[in-house]
Amino acid sequence: MNKRIDYAKASPEGFKAFGGVYVYLQKSGLSKQLVDLVYLRVSQINGCAYCIDMHSRDLLKSGVAADKLVLVPVWRDAGEVFNERERSALAWTETVTRVAETGVPDADYEAAAGEFSDKELADLTYAIGLMSAFNRLGISFRSIPAAASRA
């Protein structure tokens, strides 16, 4: 895979605008690990190797066990590995990321709204949208994962 352009250098103001949302989310009150789990799941669904690599590394550095990390794609079948809040966030992540397929049904919204406050749910959805945008940039411009650049 050959890298195309460095979108952050090509359009620094655009990158800075996305970065502003990223910084906001770090201060939003949602736990960093929860947001990173969401970023990872969005990236898995969208198939962004660069982001999967980055967020997996971030989660490992923050203390998430490798056993848990490898079960993120199949979290529904992982029993109690994921707590209720994480399961709710991952379910919301999947329905919102696949919006063209799901239409985000009322039942999905009600389940998420039962676990998260209005602000938390809005912030969680900002995180999903932000990562979806970054995935599109990473895939379109062939950002190279750290693991591949070392190989």
Protein backbone atom coordinates (compact mmCIF):
# COMPACT_ATOMS: atom_id res chain seq x y z
CA MET A 1 0.00 0.00 0.00
CA ASN A 2 1.45 3.33 -1.04
CA LYS A 3 0.64 6.40 0.97
CA ARG A 4 -1.01 9.14 -0.99
CA ILE A 5 -1.02 12.65 0.51
CA ASP A 6 -0.50 13.69 4.10
CA TYR A 7 -3.92 15.24 4.59
CA ALA A 8 -2.90 17.00 7.82
CA LYS A 9 -0.10 18.83 6.00
CA ALA A 10 -2.16 19.44 2.87
CA SER A 11 -5.01 21.03 4.84
CA PRO A 12 -3.78 22.02 8.31
CA GLU A 13 -6.86 24.11 9.13
CA GLY A 14 -9.18 21.19 8.37
CA PHE A 15 -7.06 18.89 10.49
CA LYS A 16 -7.05 21.47 13.28
CA ALA A 17 -10.86 21.65 13.17
CA PHE A 18 -11.15 17.88 13.58
CA GLY A 19 -8.50 18.08 16.28
CA GLY A 20 -10.69 20.52 18.19
CA VAL A 21 -13.43 17.90 18.43
CA TYR A 22 -10.86 15.31 19.53
CA VAL A 23 -9.61 17.63 22.31
CA TYR A 24 -13.17 18.40 23.39
CA LEU A 25 -13.96 14.68 23.68
CA GLN A 26 -10.95 14.17 25.95
CA LYS A 27 -12.52 16.68 28.35
CA SER A 28 -16.14 15.63 27.81
CA GLY A 29 -16.46 13.47 30.92
CA LEU A 30 -16.57 10.17 29.03
CA SER A 31 -13.73 7.91 30.12
CA LYS A 32 -10.74 7.81 27.79
CA GLN A 33 -10.87 4.01 27.64
CA LEU A 34 -14.53 4.04 26.65
CA VAL A 35 -13.89 6.59 23.91
CA ASP A 36 -10.88 4.60 22.69
CA LEU A 37 -13.02 1.42 22.59
CA VAL A 38 -15.54 3.33 20.48
CA TYR A 39 -12.79 4.64 18.19
CA LEU A 40 -11.46 1.12 17.77
CA ARG A 41 -14.86 -0.40 16.98
CA VAL A 42 -15.71 2.33 14.46
CA SER A 43 -12.33 1.77 12.80
CA GLN A 44 -12.87 -2.00 12.68
CA ILE A 45 -16.27 -1.58 11.04
CA ASN A 46 -14.88 0.91 8.52
CA GLY A 47 -11.73 -1.13 7.87
CA CYS A 48 -9.14 1.54 8.65
CA ALA A 49 -5.87 -0.28 9.36
CA TYR A 50 -4.08 2.88 10.49
CA CYS A 51 -6.74 3.71 13.09
CA ILE A 52 -7.16 0.10 14.25
CA ASP A 53 -3.43 -0.06 14.88
CA MET A 54 -3.36 3.31 16.68
CA HIS A 55 -6.37 2.73 18.93
CA SER A 56 -5.34 -0.82 19.79
CA ARG A 57 -1.98 0.52 20.92
CA ASP A 58 -3.67 3.32 22.90
CA LEU A 59 -5.92 0.81 24.68
CA LEU A 60 -3.01 -1.49 25.51
CA LYS A 61 -1.01 1.47 26.88
CA SER A 62 -3.97 2.47 29.05
CA GLY A 63 -4.03 -0.96 30.65
CA VAL A 64 -6.71 -2.78 28.68
CA ALA A 65 -5.85 -6.48 28.68
CA ALA A 66 -4.99 -8.07 25.34
CA ASP A 67 -7.70 -10.67 26.07
CA LYS A 68 -10.30 -7.91 26.08
CA LEU A 69 -8.83 -6.05 23.12
CA VAL A 70 -9.04 -9.05 20.79
CA LEU A 71 -12.70 -9.57 21.71
CA VAL A 72 -13.85 -6.08 20.69
CA PRO A 73 -15.16 -7.26 17.27
CA VAL A 74 -17.23 -9.97 19.00
CA TRP A 75 -18.10 -8.11 22.19
CA ARG A 76 -21.68 -9.43 22.16
CA ASP A 77 -20.34 -12.96 22.67
CA ALA A 78 -17.66 -12.04 25.21
CA GLY A 79 -19.76 -12.47 28.35
CA GLU A 80 -18.78 -10.20 31.20
CA VAL A 81 -15.49 -9.09 29.61
CA PHE A 82 -17.22 -5.81 28.78
CA ASN A 83 -19.26 -4.01 31.42
CA GLU A 84 -22.80 -2.76 30.80
CA ARG A 85 -21.68 0.76 29.90
CA GLU A 86 -19.12 -0.56 27.42
CA ARG A 87 -21.67 -2.92 25.85
CA SER A 88 -24.15 -0.08 25.50
CA ALA A 89 -21.51 2.18 23.93
CA LEU A 90 -20.41 -0.54 21.52
CA ALA A 91 -24.00 -1.29 20.48
CA TRP A 92 -24.62 2.42 19.87
CA THR A 93 -21.32 2.62 17.97
CA GLU A 94 -22.33 -0.17 15.64
CA THR A 95 -25.81 1.14 14.84
CA VAL A 96 -24.60 4.72 14.27
CA THR A 97 -21.54 3.68 12.23
CA ARG A 98 -23.78 1.52 10.03
CA VAL A 99 -26.44 4.25 9.76
CA ALA A 100 -27.11 3.57 6.06
CA GLU A 101 -28.00 -0.03 6.93
CA THR A 102 -29.66 0.42 10.31
CA GLY A 103 -31.38 3.80 10.18
CA VAL A 104 -30.60 3.86 13.93
CA PRO A 105 -33.81 2.23 15.20
CA ASP A 106 -35.74 3.66 18.15
CA ALA A 107 -34.93 0.55 20.20
CA ASP A 108 -31.19 1.20 19.75
CA TYR A 109 -31.61 4.84 20.75
CA GLU A 110 -33.72 3.94 23.79
CA ALA A 111 -31.16 1.37 24.95
CA ALA A 112 -28.30 3.88 24.68
CA ALA A 113 -30.36 6.68 26.26
CA GLY A 114 -31.07 4.36 29.18
CA GLU A 115 -27.35 4.08 29.92
CA PHE A 116 -26.02 7.54 29.00
CA SER A 117 -27.18 11.06 29.86
CA ASP A 118 -28.22 13.29 26.96
CA LYS A 119 -24.81 15.01 26.99
CA GLU A 120 -22.93 11.72 27.18
CA LEU A 121 -24.93 10.26 24.30
CA ALA A 122 -24.35 13.36 22.18
CA ASP A 123 -20.63 13.25 23.00
CA LEU A 124 -20.47 9.53 22.26
CA THR A 125 -22.07 10.22 18.89
CA TYR A 126 -19.58 13.02 18.22
CA ALA A 127 -16.82 10.47 18.87
CA ILE A 128 -18.38 8.00 16.44
CA GLY A 129 -18.76 10.68 13.77
CA LEU A 130 -15.25 12.02 14.30
CA MET A 131 -13.66 8.60 14.00
CA SER A 132 -15.74 7.79 10.94
CA ALA A 133 -14.39 10.97 9.33
CA PHE A 134 -10.80 10.12 10.32
CA ASN A 135 -11.29 6.59 8.94
CA ARG A 136 -12.34 8.03 5.62
CA LEU A 137 -9.27 10.24 5.54
CA GLY A 138 -6.96 7.39 6.57
CA ILE A 139 -8.37 4.96 4.02
CA SER A 140 -8.63 7.50 1.18
CA PHE A 141 -5.06 8.70 1.58
CA ARG A 142 -3.60 5.28 2.54
CA SER A 143 -2.24 6.21 5.96
CA ILE A 144 0.27 3.53 6.90
CA PRO A 145 -0.19 1.78 10.27
CA ALA A 146 2.76 1.95 12.66
CA ALA A 147 3.08 -1.84 12.54
CA ALA A 148 3.40 -1.79 8.73
CA SER A 149 5.93 1.04 8.70
CA ARG A 150 8.19 -0.99 11.01
CA ALA A 151 7.94 -4.18 8.92
